[in-house]
N, C-alpha and C. Protein backbone atom coordinates (compact mmCIF):
# COMPACT_ATOMS: atom_id res chain seq x y z
N UNK A 1 -41.74 0.00 -18.20
CA UNK A 1 -41.83 0.46 -16.67
C UNK A 1 -41.30 -0.62 -15.93
N UNK A 2 -41.28 -1.83 -16.14
CA UNK A 2 -40.94 -2.81 -15.09
C UNK A 2 -39.20 -2.83 -14.95
N UNK A 3 -38.80 -2.66 -16.21
CA UNK A 3 -37.37 -2.71 -16.15
C UNK A 3 -36.78 -1.33 -15.49
N UNK A 4 -37.47 -0.34 -15.58
CA UNK A 4 -37.13 1.25 -14.97
C UNK A 4 -37.21 1.04 -13.43
N UNK A 5 -38.43 0.23 -13.01
CA UNK A 5 -38.42 -0.11 -11.49
C UNK A 5 -37.22 -0.85 -10.93
N UNK A 6 -36.95 -1.95 -11.62
CA UNK A 6 -35.70 -2.98 -11.34
C UNK A 6 -34.61 -1.97 -11.45
N UNK A 7 -34.20 -1.26 -12.65
CA UNK A 7 -33.11 -0.31 -12.61
C UNK A 7 -33.21 0.36 -11.51
N UNK A 8 -34.06 1.23 -11.07
CA UNK A 8 -33.87 2.15 -9.81
C UNK A 8 -33.72 1.36 -8.38
N UNK A 9 -34.28 0.21 -8.15
CA UNK A 9 -34.13 -0.60 -7.26
C UNK A 9 -32.56 -1.15 -7.19
N UNK A 10 -32.09 -1.52 -8.45
CA UNK A 10 -30.62 -1.88 -8.39
C UNK A 10 -29.93 -0.86 -8.09
N UNK A 11 -30.06 0.74 -8.40
CA UNK A 11 -29.21 1.60 -8.07
C UNK A 11 -29.26 1.92 -6.88
N UNK A 12 -30.44 2.08 -6.02
CA UNK A 12 -30.76 2.10 -4.53
C UNK A 12 -29.74 1.12 -3.98
N UNK A 13 -29.95 -0.45 -4.42
CA UNK A 13 -29.13 -1.20 -3.66
C UNK A 13 -27.78 -1.10 -3.60
N UNK A 14 -26.99 -0.67 -4.88
CA UNK A 14 -26.17 -0.34 -4.80
C UNK A 14 -25.20 0.96 -4.03
N UNK A 15 -26.11 1.97 -4.11
CA UNK A 15 -26.02 3.01 -3.05
C UNK A 15 -25.97 2.57 -1.88
N UNK A 16 -26.79 1.87 -1.26
CA UNK A 16 -26.93 1.20 0.13
C UNK A 16 -25.51 0.48 0.40
N UNK A 17 -25.28 -0.61 -0.47
CA UNK A 17 -23.86 -1.21 -0.23
C UNK A 17 -22.72 -0.45 -0.20
N UNK A 18 -22.53 0.68 -1.10
CA UNK A 18 -21.47 1.47 -1.17
C UNK A 18 -21.24 2.31 0.11
N UNK A 19 -22.66 2.63 0.87
CA UNK A 19 -22.65 3.49 1.75
C UNK A 19 -22.13 2.78 3.13
N UNK A 20 -22.21 1.60 2.96
CA UNK A 20 -22.08 0.58 4.11
C UNK A 20 -20.61 -0.03 4.32
N UNK A 21 -19.90 0.43 3.14
CA UNK A 21 -18.59 0.06 2.84
C UNK A 21 -17.64 0.86 3.75
N UNK A 22 -16.56 0.32 4.43
CA UNK A 22 -15.79 1.02 5.07
C UNK A 22 -14.60 1.57 4.18
N UNK A 23 -14.24 2.83 4.78
CA UNK A 23 -13.40 3.50 3.95
C UNK A 23 -11.60 2.99 4.10
N UNK A 24 -11.58 2.24 5.28
CA UNK A 24 -10.15 1.72 5.15
C UNK A 24 -10.24 0.48 4.70
N UNK A 25 -8.93 0.01 4.07
CA UNK A 25 -8.91 -1.30 3.41
C UNK A 25 -7.29 -1.66 3.67
N UNK A 26 -7.28 -2.99 3.46
CA UNK A 26 -5.75 -3.60 3.71
C UNK A 26 -4.78 -3.05 2.84
N UNK A 27 -3.95 -2.81 3.33
CA UNK A 27 -2.61 -2.59 2.26
C UNK A 27 -1.52 -3.61 2.36
N UNK A 28 -1.66 -4.40 1.03
CA UNK A 28 -0.77 -5.45 0.94
C UNK A 28 -0.32 -5.49 -0.62
N UNK A 29 0.94 -6.17 -0.51
CA UNK A 29 1.47 -6.30 -1.97
C UNK A 29 1.84 -7.83 -2.19
N UNK A 30 1.70 -8.04 -3.78
CA UNK A 30 1.91 -9.30 -3.86
C UNK A 30 3.25 -10.07 -4.17
N UNK A 31 4.28 -9.51 -3.50
CA UNK A 31 5.40 -9.76 -3.43
C UNK A 31 6.44 -9.10 -2.31
N UNK A 32 7.63 -9.62 -2.19
CA UNK A 32 8.81 -9.06 -1.05
C UNK A 32 9.43 -7.99 -1.69
N UNK A 33 9.51 -6.96 -0.48
CA UNK A 33 10.49 -5.82 -1.31
C UNK A 33 10.57 -4.75 -0.04
N UNK A 34 11.03 -3.47 -0.49
CA UNK A 34 11.54 -2.66 0.51
C UNK A 34 10.52 -1.53 0.59
N UNK A 35 9.70 -1.25 1.75
CA UNK A 35 8.67 -0.20 2.05
C UNK A 35 9.27 1.02 2.13
N UNK A 36 8.08 1.82 1.41
CA UNK A 36 8.64 2.88 0.97
C UNK A 36 7.27 3.94 1.40
N UNK A 37 7.42 4.85 2.28
CA UNK A 37 6.58 5.82 2.55
C UNK A 37 6.67 7.17 2.19
N UNK A 38 5.92 7.89 1.63
CA UNK A 38 5.96 9.28 1.17
C UNK A 38 4.91 10.01 2.00
N UNK A 39 5.59 10.99 2.64
CA UNK A 39 4.58 12.08 2.88
C UNK A 39 4.10 13.07 2.03
N UNK A 40 3.02 12.90 1.45
CA UNK A 40 2.69 13.54 0.42
C UNK A 40 1.90 15.02 0.66
N UNK A 41 1.23 15.22 1.75
CA UNK A 41 0.44 16.70 2.14
C UNK A 41 0.06 16.54 3.42
N UNK A 42 -0.65 17.68 3.81
CA UNK A 42 -1.02 17.68 4.96
C UNK A 42 -1.85 19.20 4.94
N UNK A 43 -3.11 19.39 5.81
CA UNK A 43 -3.92 20.56 5.78
C UNK A 43 -4.43 20.34 7.08
N UNK A 44 -3.42 20.20 8.25
CA UNK A 44 -3.88 20.18 9.51
C UNK A 44 -3.42 21.29 10.24
N UNK A 45 -4.23 21.45 11.37
CA UNK A 45 -3.59 22.82 12.17
C UNK A 45 -2.84 21.84 13.26
N UNK A 46 -3.22 20.66 13.64
CA UNK A 46 -2.39 19.98 14.78
C UNK A 46 -1.27 19.70 14.02
N UNK A 47 0.02 19.62 15.06
CA UNK A 47 0.92 18.82 14.53
C UNK A 47 1.07 17.23 14.79
N UNK A 48 0.51 16.51 14.01
CA UNK A 48 0.23 15.13 14.13
C UNK A 48 1.54 14.32 13.86
N UNK A 49 1.76 13.47 14.58
CA UNK A 49 2.85 12.31 14.32
C UNK A 49 2.53 11.50 13.01
N UNK A 50 3.14 11.11 12.46
CA UNK A 50 2.69 9.76 11.48
C UNK A 50 3.91 8.74 11.47
N UNK A 51 3.38 7.60 10.96
CA UNK A 51 4.39 6.45 11.04
C UNK A 51 3.97 5.12 10.57
N UNK A 52 4.73 4.22 10.78
CA UNK A 52 4.37 2.87 10.16
C UNK A 52 4.23 2.02 11.42
N UNK A 53 2.98 1.16 11.69
CA UNK A 53 2.75 0.48 12.73
C UNK A 53 3.28 -1.04 12.59
N UNK A 54 2.95 -1.55 11.43
CA UNK A 54 3.07 -2.74 10.58
C UNK A 54 3.80 -2.79 9.37
N UNK A 55 5.20 -3.16 9.08
CA UNK A 55 6.03 -3.62 10.36
C UNK A 55 6.42 -2.82 10.93
N UNK A 56 6.69 -2.84 12.19
CA UNK A 56 7.25 -1.74 13.05
C UNK A 56 6.97 -1.87 14.57
N UNK A 57 6.63 -0.80 15.03
CA UNK A 57 5.98 0.18 14.64
C UNK A 57 7.38 1.34 14.46
N UNK A 58 7.29 2.37 13.80
CA UNK A 58 8.24 3.38 13.34
C UNK A 58 7.77 4.63 13.31
N UNK A 59 8.02 5.66 14.18
CA UNK A 59 7.53 7.02 14.02
C UNK A 59 8.28 7.58 12.74
N UNK A 60 7.90 8.09 12.06
CA UNK A 60 8.45 8.88 10.67
C UNK A 60 8.60 10.50 10.98
N UNK A 61 7.92 11.11 11.96
CA UNK A 61 7.99 12.29 12.36
C UNK A 61 6.92 13.02 12.77
N UNK A 62 6.85 14.41 12.62
CA UNK A 62 5.58 15.38 12.85
C UNK A 62 5.47 16.10 11.49
N UNK A 63 4.09 16.53 11.20
CA UNK A 63 3.76 17.18 9.78
C UNK A 63 4.30 18.49 9.91
N UNK A 64 4.14 19.00 11.01
CA UNK A 64 5.18 20.69 10.90
C UNK A 64 6.48 20.44 11.07
N UNK A 65 7.21 19.34 11.12
CA UNK A 65 8.66 19.46 11.12
C UNK A 65 9.13 18.87 9.69
N UNK A 66 8.47 18.56 8.59
CA UNK A 66 8.68 18.17 7.29
C UNK A 66 8.07 19.04 6.14
N UNK A 67 8.75 18.97 5.10
CA UNK A 67 8.17 19.47 4.03
C UNK A 67 7.67 18.36 2.88
N UNK A 68 6.58 18.43 2.46
CA UNK A 68 6.31 17.25 1.46
C UNK A 68 7.08 17.70 0.00
N UNK A 69 6.87 16.97 -0.82
CA UNK A 69 6.82 15.18 -0.41
C UNK A 69 8.41 14.98 0.37
N UNK A 70 8.17 14.27 1.27
CA UNK A 70 9.46 13.55 2.04
C UNK A 70 9.29 11.90 1.70
N UNK A 71 10.21 11.38 1.31
CA UNK A 71 10.12 10.00 0.88
C UNK A 71 11.01 9.47 1.99
N UNK A 72 10.51 8.30 2.69
CA UNK A 72 11.25 7.59 3.84
C UNK A 72 11.32 6.03 3.09
N UNK A 73 12.59 5.67 2.84
CA UNK A 73 13.10 4.39 2.41
C UNK A 73 13.60 3.51 3.46
N UNK A 74 13.94 3.88 4.65
CA UNK A 74 14.41 3.06 5.59
C UNK A 74 13.25 2.78 6.65
N UNK A 75 11.90 2.08 6.41
CA UNK A 75 11.00 1.85 7.12
C UNK A 75 10.66 0.49 7.22
N UNK A 76 11.10 -0.46 6.65
CA UNK A 76 11.45 -1.60 6.99
C UNK A 76 10.89 -2.58 5.29
N UNK A 77 10.43 -3.62 5.70
CA UNK A 77 10.41 -4.44 4.55
C UNK A 77 8.90 -4.97 4.40
N UNK A 78 8.20 -5.00 3.25
CA UNK A 78 6.99 -5.69 2.83
C UNK A 78 6.90 -6.91 2.58
N UNK A 79 5.95 -7.78 2.97
CA UNK A 79 6.26 -9.22 2.58
C UNK A 79 4.84 -9.59 1.80
N UNK A 80 5.09 -10.60 0.90
CA UNK A 80 3.87 -11.00 0.09
C UNK A 80 2.44 -11.33 0.93
N UNK A 81 1.52 -10.34 0.50
CA UNK A 81 0.22 -10.81 1.21
C UNK A 81 0.39 -10.24 2.64
N UNK A 82 1.32 -9.70 3.22
CA UNK A 82 1.18 -9.18 4.82
C UNK A 82 0.70 -7.96 4.88
N UNK A 83 -0.45 -7.30 5.64
CA UNK A 83 -0.48 -6.03 5.97
C UNK A 83 0.57 -5.01 6.25
N UNK A 84 0.32 -3.86 5.64
CA UNK A 84 1.28 -2.65 5.97
C UNK A 84 0.00 -1.62 6.73
N UNK A 85 0.49 -1.25 7.84
CA UNK A 85 -0.45 -0.36 8.50
C UNK A 85 0.38 1.17 8.76
N UNK A 86 -0.14 2.07 8.45
CA UNK A 86 0.32 3.36 8.93
C UNK A 86 -0.45 4.10 9.80
N UNK A 87 0.21 5.05 10.19
CA UNK A 87 -1.08 5.83 11.43
C UNK A 87 -0.71 7.11 11.44
N UNK A 88 -1.51 7.63 12.45
CA UNK A 88 -1.18 9.33 12.74
C UNK A 88 -1.64 9.20 14.03
N UNK A 89 -1.01 10.16 15.02
CA UNK A 89 -1.43 10.33 16.34
C UNK A 89 -1.47 11.82 16.59
N UNK A 90 -2.96 12.15 16.86
CA UNK A 90 -2.79 13.48 17.11
C UNK A 90 -2.45 14.03 18.67
N UNK A 91 -1.84 15.34 18.86
CA UNK A 91 -1.33 15.59 19.90
C UNK A 91 -2.29 15.97 21.00
N UNK A 92 -1.89 16.57 22.24
CA UNK A 92 -3.05 16.84 23.37
C UNK A 92 -3.41 18.36 22.83
N UNK A 93 -4.71 18.53 22.63
CA UNK A 93 -5.33 19.67 22.05
C UNK A 93 -6.09 20.43 23.07
N UNK A 94 -5.92 21.71 23.51
CA UNK A 94 -7.00 22.23 24.47
C UNK A 94 -8.34 22.46 24.14
N UNK A 95 -8.45 22.45 22.92
CA UNK A 95 -9.96 22.50 22.32
C UNK A 95 -10.67 21.05 22.28
N UNK A 96 -9.95 19.93 22.59
CA UNK A 96 -10.41 18.67 22.13
C UNK A 96 -10.20 17.65 23.30
N UNK A 97 -11.67 17.61 23.89
CA UNK A 97 -11.18 16.65 25.01
C UNK A 97 -10.90 15.51 25.04
N UNK A 98 -10.85 14.67 23.83
CA UNK A 98 -10.66 13.30 23.33
C UNK A 98 -9.29 12.80 23.27
N UNK A 99 -8.30 13.95 23.05
CA UNK A 99 -7.02 13.76 22.43
C UNK A 99 -6.01 13.35 23.61
N UNK A 100 -5.01 12.78 23.20
CA UNK A 100 -4.49 12.32 21.98
C UNK A 100 -5.30 11.04 21.44
N UNK A 101 -5.46 10.81 20.17
CA UNK A 101 -5.78 9.76 19.38
C UNK A 101 -4.99 9.23 18.53
N UNK A 102 -5.05 7.88 18.34
CA UNK A 102 -4.19 7.42 17.20
C UNK A 102 -5.32 6.59 16.36
N UNK A 103 -4.93 7.02 15.10
CA UNK A 103 -5.66 6.47 13.92
C UNK A 103 -5.06 5.61 12.92
N UNK A 104 -5.60 4.18 12.78
CA UNK A 104 -4.85 3.41 11.76
C UNK A 104 -5.51 3.12 10.66
N UNK A 105 -4.59 2.87 9.38
CA UNK A 105 -5.17 2.51 8.14
C UNK A 105 -5.91 1.58 8.00
N UNK A 106 -6.10 0.56 9.04
CA UNK A 106 -7.07 -0.62 8.74
C UNK A 106 -7.73 -0.78 9.83
N UNK A 107 -8.29 0.24 10.50
CA UNK A 107 -9.05 -0.01 11.48
C UNK A 107 -10.07 1.41 11.83
N UNK A 108 -11.20 1.43 12.47
CA UNK A 108 -12.01 2.33 12.71
C UNK A 108 -11.24 3.13 14.04
N UNK A 109 -11.78 4.00 14.09
CA UNK A 109 -11.02 5.01 15.37
C UNK A 109 -11.81 4.54 16.71
N UNK A 110 -11.36 4.98 17.66
CA UNK A 110 -12.15 4.62 18.99
C UNK A 110 -13.42 5.10 19.03
N UNK A 111 -13.93 6.22 17.98
CA UNK A 111 -15.05 6.76 18.15
C UNK A 111 -16.01 6.07 16.99
N UNK A 112 -15.57 5.03 16.52
CA UNK A 112 -16.43 4.04 15.66
C UNK A 112 -16.66 4.81 14.21
N UNK A 113 -15.48 5.49 13.71
CA UNK A 113 -15.62 6.26 12.57
C UNK A 113 -14.56 6.15 11.65
N UNK A 114 -14.67 6.12 10.70
CA UNK A 114 -13.30 5.95 9.46
C UNK A 114 -12.45 7.10 9.76
N UNK A 115 -11.16 7.04 9.79
CA UNK A 115 -10.52 8.11 9.92
C UNK A 115 -9.13 8.07 8.74
N UNK A 116 -9.21 6.97 8.29
CA UNK A 116 -8.19 6.55 6.96
C UNK A 116 -9.09 6.26 5.80
N UNK A 117 -8.49 6.86 4.79
CA UNK A 117 -9.11 6.73 3.52
C UNK A 117 -8.15 5.90 2.42
N UNK A 118 -8.17 4.87 2.23
CA UNK A 118 -7.21 4.14 1.76
C UNK A 118 -7.37 3.74 0.24
N UNK A 119 -6.67 4.42 -0.74
CA UNK A 119 -7.15 4.42 -2.19
C UNK A 119 -6.04 3.46 -2.77
N UNK A 120 -6.12 2.38 -3.58
CA UNK A 120 -5.06 1.83 -4.38
C UNK A 120 -4.76 2.60 -5.42
N UNK A 121 -3.63 3.06 -6.02
CA UNK A 121 -2.99 3.86 -7.13
C UNK A 121 -2.76 2.83 -8.20
N UNK A 122 -2.84 3.36 -9.50
CA UNK A 122 -2.43 2.56 -10.86
C UNK A 122 -1.02 1.97 -10.60
N UNK A 123 -0.17 2.79 -10.26
CA UNK A 123 1.20 2.42 -10.13
C UNK A 123 1.40 0.90 -8.82
N UNK A 124 0.26 0.43 -8.40
CA UNK A 124 0.49 -0.32 -7.29
C UNK A 124 0.63 -0.03 -5.77
N UNK A 125 0.79 1.25 -5.77
CA UNK A 125 0.81 1.81 -4.39
C UNK A 125 -0.43 2.15 -3.70
N UNK A 126 -0.63 2.72 -2.68
CA UNK A 126 -1.91 3.03 -1.82
C UNK A 126 -1.52 4.57 -1.25
N UNK A 127 -2.82 5.54 -1.37
CA UNK A 127 -2.26 6.48 -0.91
C UNK A 127 -3.41 6.29 0.53
N UNK A 128 -3.07 7.17 1.54
CA UNK A 128 -3.68 7.31 2.54
C UNK A 128 -4.06 8.37 3.03
N UNK A 129 -5.21 9.02 3.13
CA UNK A 129 -5.62 10.35 3.52
C UNK A 129 -6.20 9.83 4.94
N UNK A 130 -5.86 10.89 5.96
CA UNK A 130 -6.25 10.68 7.35
C UNK A 130 -7.25 12.04 7.69
N UNK A 131 -8.03 11.92 8.10
CA UNK A 131 -9.03 12.47 9.17
C UNK A 131 -8.53 12.80 10.56
N UNK A 132 -8.27 14.02 11.18
CA UNK A 132 -7.65 13.94 12.66
C UNK A 132 -8.35 14.35 13.58
N UNK A 133 -9.64 14.83 13.28
CA UNK A 133 -10.74 15.09 14.52
C UNK A 133 -11.73 13.84 15.04
N UNK A 134 -11.94 14.26 16.13
CA UNK A 134 -12.94 13.23 16.73
C UNK A 134 -14.41 13.00 16.49
N UNK A 135 -15.12 12.38 16.62
CA UNK A 135 -16.65 12.30 16.20
C UNK A 135 -17.19 13.76 16.33
N UNK A 136 -17.15 14.34 17.51
CA UNK A 136 -17.89 15.51 17.90
C UNK A 136 -17.07 17.12 17.09
N UNK A 137 -16.04 16.71 16.38
CA UNK A 137 -15.41 18.05 15.95
C UNK A 137 -14.95 17.53 14.53
N UNK A 138 -15.54 16.41 13.74
CA UNK A 138 -14.86 15.95 12.50
C UNK A 138 -15.46 17.05 11.51
N UNK A 139 -14.49 17.40 10.86
CA UNK A 139 -14.85 17.94 9.32
C UNK A 139 -14.93 17.19 8.07
N UNK A 140 -14.40 15.86 8.29
CA UNK A 140 -14.69 15.06 7.23
C UNK A 140 -14.01 15.46 5.69
N UNK A 141 -12.89 16.34 6.07
CA UNK A 141 -12.19 16.68 4.76
C UNK A 141 -10.93 15.65 4.39
N UNK A 142 -10.74 14.51 5.22
CA UNK A 142 -9.46 13.61 5.11
C UNK A 142 -8.46 14.11 4.33
N UNK A 143 -7.73 15.08 4.65
CA UNK A 143 -6.72 15.92 4.16
C UNK A 143 -5.76 16.26 5.22
N UNK A 144 -6.16 15.97 6.52
CA UNK A 144 -5.30 16.23 7.63
C UNK A 144 -3.61 15.55 7.36
N UNK A 145 -3.47 14.66 6.94
CA UNK A 145 -2.00 13.88 6.58
C UNK A 145 -2.45 12.87 5.48
N UNK A 146 -1.78 13.14 4.18
CA UNK A 146 -1.84 12.12 3.33
C UNK A 146 -0.59 11.46 3.18
N UNK A 147 -0.35 10.24 3.22
CA UNK A 147 0.80 9.30 2.99
C UNK A 147 0.60 8.26 1.51
N UNK A 148 1.70 8.09 0.83
CA UNK A 148 1.63 6.99 0.08
C UNK A 148 2.54 5.99 0.48
N UNK A 149 2.00 4.64 0.15
CA UNK A 149 2.76 3.46 0.56
C UNK A 149 2.87 2.56 -0.20
N UNK A 150 4.41 2.59 -0.87
CA UNK A 150 4.56 1.86 -1.79
C UNK A 150 5.61 0.76 -1.47
N UNK A 151 5.69 -0.67 -2.25
CA UNK A 151 6.80 -1.31 -1.90
C UNK A 151 7.72 -1.77 -3.17
N UNK A 152 8.85 -1.42 -3.10
CA UNK A 152 9.69 -1.71 -4.51
C UNK A 152 10.18 -3.25 -4.20
N UNK A 153 9.90 -3.75 -5.33
CA UNK A 153 10.11 -5.36 -5.04
C UNK A 153 11.64 -5.74 -5.26
N UNK A 154 11.87 -6.85 -4.62
CA UNK A 154 13.32 -7.36 -4.51
C UNK A 154 13.52 -7.82 -5.76
N UNK A 155 14.70 -7.58 -6.49
CA UNK A 155 15.36 -8.03 -7.45
C UNK A 155 15.10 -9.46 -7.80
N UNK A 156 14.86 -9.85 -8.89
CA UNK A 156 14.42 -11.22 -9.28
C UNK A 156 15.86 -11.85 -9.65
N UNK A 157 16.35 -12.91 -8.59
CA UNK A 157 17.75 -13.45 -9.33
C UNK A 157 17.63 -14.45 -10.08
N UNK A 158 17.94 -14.06 -11.39
CA UNK A 158 18.21 -14.77 -12.41
C UNK A 158 19.59 -15.22 -12.84
N UNK A 159 19.93 -16.40 -13.49
CA UNK A 159 21.44 -16.47 -13.71
C UNK A 159 21.63 -15.68 -14.72
N UNK A 160 23.25 -15.34 -14.81
CA UNK A 160 23.79 -14.37 -15.32
C UNK A 160 24.02 -15.63 -16.86
N UNK A 161 24.03 -14.44 -18.13
CA UNK A 161 24.34 -15.33 -19.49
C UNK A 161 25.28 -16.57 -19.53
N UNK A 162 26.54 -16.32 -18.79
CA UNK A 162 27.24 -17.41 -19.04
C UNK A 162 26.91 -18.68 -18.22
N UNK A 163 25.99 -18.40 -17.28
CA UNK A 163 25.57 -19.63 -16.35
C UNK A 163 24.62 -20.31 -17.18
N UNK A 164 23.69 -19.49 -17.71
CA UNK A 164 22.85 -20.27 -19.03
C UNK A 164 23.17 -21.05 -19.94
N UNK A 165 24.44 -20.28 -20.76
CA UNK A 165 25.00 -20.66 -22.00
C UNK A 165 26.03 -21.85 -21.76
N UNK A 166 26.41 -22.15 -20.69
CA UNK A 166 27.17 -23.45 -20.56
C UNK A 166 26.12 -24.62 -20.72
N UNK A 167 25.13 -24.92 -19.87
CA UNK A 167 24.58 -25.96 -20.07
C UNK A 167 23.97 -26.02 -21.62
N UNK A 168 23.34 -24.94 -22.04
CA UNK A 168 22.60 -25.05 -23.59
C UNK A 168 24.15 -25.40 -24.36
N UNK A 169 24.97 -24.92 -24.08
CA UNK A 169 26.21 -25.16 -25.44
C UNK A 169 26.39 -26.61 -25.03
N UNK A 170 26.48 -27.21 -24.16
CA UNK A 170 26.93 -28.65 -24.03
C UNK A 170 25.65 -29.38 -24.27
N UNK A 171 24.47 -29.05 -24.37
CA UNK A 171 23.38 -29.87 -24.87
C UNK A 171 23.69 -29.76 -26.59
N UNK A 172 23.72 -28.57 -26.93
CA UNK A 172 23.82 -28.37 -28.49
C UNK A 172 25.22 -29.21 -28.88
N UNK A 173 26.16 -29.24 -28.52
CA UNK A 173 27.21 -29.87 -28.53
C UNK A 173 27.17 -31.38 -28.80
N UNK A 174 26.62 -31.59 -27.74
CA UNK A 174 26.33 -33.33 -27.45
C UNK A 174 25.31 -33.81 -28.74
N UNK A 175 24.02 -33.00 -28.82
CA UNK A 175 23.33 -33.29 -30.27
C UNK A 175 24.20 -33.49 -31.31
N UNK A 176 25.10 -32.58 -31.55
CA UNK A 176 25.84 -32.49 -32.79
C UNK A 176 26.91 -33.49 -32.72
N UNK A 177 27.04 -34.10 -31.88
CA UNK A 177 28.15 -35.20 -32.05
C UNK A 177 27.31 -36.31 -32.18
N UNK A 178 25.94 -36.65 -31.49
CA UNK A 178 25.12 -37.69 -31.76
C UNK A 178 24.86 -37.76 -33.34
N UNK A 179 24.41 -36.57 -33.78
CA UNK A 179 23.91 -36.43 -35.27
C UNK A 179 25.40 -36.90 -36.15
N UNK A 180 26.28 -36.12 -35.79
CA UNK A 180 27.35 -36.67 -36.66
C UNK A 180 27.88 -38.24 -36.76
N UNK A 181 27.71 -38.76 -35.43
CA UNK A 181 28.17 -40.21 -35.49
C UNK A 181 26.89 -40.86 -36.30
N UNK A 182 25.81 -40.63 -35.96
CA UNK A 182 24.69 -41.27 -36.65
C UNK A 182 25.02 -41.20 -38.19
N UNK A 183 25.07 -39.86 -38.85
CA UNK A 183 25.73 -39.55 -40.26
C UNK A 183 26.76 -40.70 -40.76
N UNK A 184 27.55 -40.92 -39.98
CA UNK A 184 28.97 -41.32 -40.38
C UNK A 184 28.53 -42.92 -40.32
N UNK A 185 27.60 -43.49 -39.57
CA UNK A 185 27.18 -44.89 -39.64
C UNK A 185 26.35 -45.13 -40.78
N UNK A 186 25.98 -44.09 -41.23
CA UNK A 186 24.95 -44.49 -42.69
C UNK A 186 25.86 -44.39 -43.98
N UNK A 187 26.65 -43.82 -43.75
CA UNK A 187 27.72 -43.38 -44.95
C UNK A 187 28.34 -44.93 -45.26
């Protein structure tokens, strides 16, 4: 009975902690490379602008002007441990007295609510799902704009085969000469 009470308390504590964790998270990569943003999907009535804030800023377009999946490869560079921040900006909406608003992948909106939900992917990229409505109108579907943020690592500069083979061949040759000289002295 005591173990069951402890288990229930533990589950409750985890639920409370998970409930207080913010949905936004940093987007960082453990290497330098080329930043790639993919416009994955949208289910928004508003023609939201989307883009990269850091490094940048760089507007990539408006959701009603592109067809997903749209891949953007000329958006900048990602650096080891540096935050990448994507955003959406809502247009002026006649039914929304709070617009336009800009929501970032790394911060709460001005209404103190999460508007960006960052999910790490198995391939090392991040999906960012945005909610574009202000707190009084929010529908919490987080599918108004969905972006994927990836970093293509820079190629590792390794010496070519002849560059490596020359010193190795020289060392083996010298070792052979030393052994040959030593062998002839013994005879």
